[in-house]
């Protein structure tokens, strides 16, 4: 899936689940569309997305250029 986070052992991405929830789909509708998922998978996907949105990227200090002697 190109490095995208997926639901345990499936090819369903976290983004797909988040998108469905954002579009107003209920957990029951999502489970009907993906019968191999469990309700907990939806909850975990949303928790992961929330955690990921809070993650900060920190720039590394540039490496000093060695002085030739």
Foldseek 3Di string as FASTA:
>chain_A
DVPADDQPPDPHGLVNLVVCVVVPDDLVRVCVVVVVDDSVSSVVSVVVVVVVVPDDDDDDDDDDDDDDD
